[in-house]
Amino acid sequence: MMLLIILQAFVLGITSTTASRLAAFYGIEPETVVWLSQAGAIGMVAIIPVYYRLRMYFQKSDLLQLALGLQVLLALLCYTINYAPLLLVSNFFIGMLKLACLLDFISLLTNEYPVMRHRAMFYGIYYTIARFGGELADIFVNPVLEDYDWHDIYLISATAAGICMLLCVLLFHRQRMHRRVPLYQVDWLSMLLFVIAAFLFSYMLTYGKTLDWFEDNTIQYALIGCVITTLLFIYRQFRLKRPFWDLRVFSLYKQVPLGIAFMVVLYVFYSTGFLFNYYAAYNFRGEENYLSQVAIIVLCAYMISFPLTGWLLCRGVQRRIMLSVGFMLYAGSLYLFGNNIQTAATFEALIIPYLMQGMAYGLVLTTLSTFAATNVPRKMNGDRVMGSLSFRYIIGSFAGYALYSNWLFRDTATHATWLSESLTYDNPLYGRELGAFSALYRSHGMDVQHATLAAQAMVQKKLQLQAMLMSIRDITMYVAIIATVAAVLVLLVRRFEMHEVAAKNKYKIV
């Protein structure tokens, strides 16, 4: 079961590395690739209620074989057909199929190991396995992308899904372990409304920077469409006897909205990885091997933080303390990162910040997941999972990327304008730099006029770099302060210990 979960991490669609290559190879706008690459997360969430219905009717082995077979077919199709829209749209279905497989793998793993029926131990163990697989995939896949064609990622996906399929054929029995529950009518309209709202939300956040946000009519229409489809979706859920997503889970179990709200806060800090990667991409441009080195560091952090947090929570350590430590780790990571920003960076300077980021994510995510899931009965757990993944992977992840990409874009423009004001001939430093570059270009055979223009362009390029580095440092310091405030405030939220009060428990914790 662990091997199956790890192998699913190698079933990849469009990754952050392949997105830039796909945009350059086909001449597609980077924003379009980013927008459609986020379709994997949307598909992953949208399939949850449908798959819960399907596995109550079909035999588990048959359903898994179908999902894995479609993974193999889709990966081979993407590898053989050189058509950009197919690669982009396939990301949506790859996300759906991955989660469909993982839902069954997780349930089987939990049944085999009773210790995982305690929520803290479950998340501590499962996240360790899942994140180990994710980082392991980065370690092995990134060098392949550097040394070979980026299309080979689909061969890796097909191979991983094929091995999963073989394991299921050899090891899974085909006996029905529960009575067949009638499928009823799947609410496809609600699923369509959910997908449309998510895509429009993603469109706004992805294209907002380039289209100047709500000054553009397209963004305004996307906002109106997102609001209308969201309201229609919510209205429909309260009108149906068997809703696609039972939203009562937020009112019946008070820990669910609180835990999910803090998951969005978590992704405000988790998304600072965009700044780390942006800075590292400048220093290690064109070298995918550094991504593998980063993955090794983060893997070490995850292998410590996830199981340790699960064990500590199981032993009764207060959730407020765990969350506070996690947010302080984020603050420390951002502070160290901001102080180490320079034009000639070494990879060693990023090790401690990356390590602290991984530790912080493991601490906070395991704690919040444990808190939000405790005491939620089995019949409502699917709706709780739907809420958790929706707010993490759609709202938190998309909004976090938009926040930092837009903040960096605007702050860099402000710093560049401020620095440009000092580029006058009265500035001796500017005169020396311009003279040095001009002399260099003249030594390569340029005339005075062209050498001067080339020297001015080079100085402007250095100015933009300096503005970018100043912006990253300012943003990380601001977010470090916010993380420190969050670490203090979370200690005041006594509701995080609500499950320790026996009188308020409606269900047993284990």
Foldseek 3Di string as FASTA:
>chain_A
DLLLLLLLLLLDAQDPVVLVVLCVVVVNDSLVSVLLLLLLLLLLLLLLLVLVLVCLAAFPLVVLLVLLVVSLVLLVVLLPDPDSVSSSNVSNSSSNSSNSNVVVVLVVVCVVDVVLVQLLQVFLVVLLSNLLSNLVSLLPLLVCVLPHPNSCSSVSNNVSSVVSSVCSVVPPDRDHPDDRDDSPDQPVVLSVLSSLLLSLLLSQLSCCQVQVHPVDPSNVVSVVSNVVSVVVSVVVQVVDPDHSFNPCLCVVDVLLVVLLVVLLVVLLLLLLVVLVVVLVCLQQPSRSNVSSVLSVLLSVLSNPQSNVLSVVVVVPDFLLLLLLQLLLLSLVLLLQVLVQQDNNHDSVSNSSSSSSSSNSCNSSVSLSSSRNQFQDDPVNVSSSVSSNSCSNSRVNNSNSNSVVVSQLVVQLVVQLVVVVVPCDPVDVVNVVQLVVQLVVVVVVPDDNVVSSVVSVVVVSVVSSVVSSSVSSSVVSNVVSVVSNVVSVVSSVPVCSCVVVPPVPRPDDSD
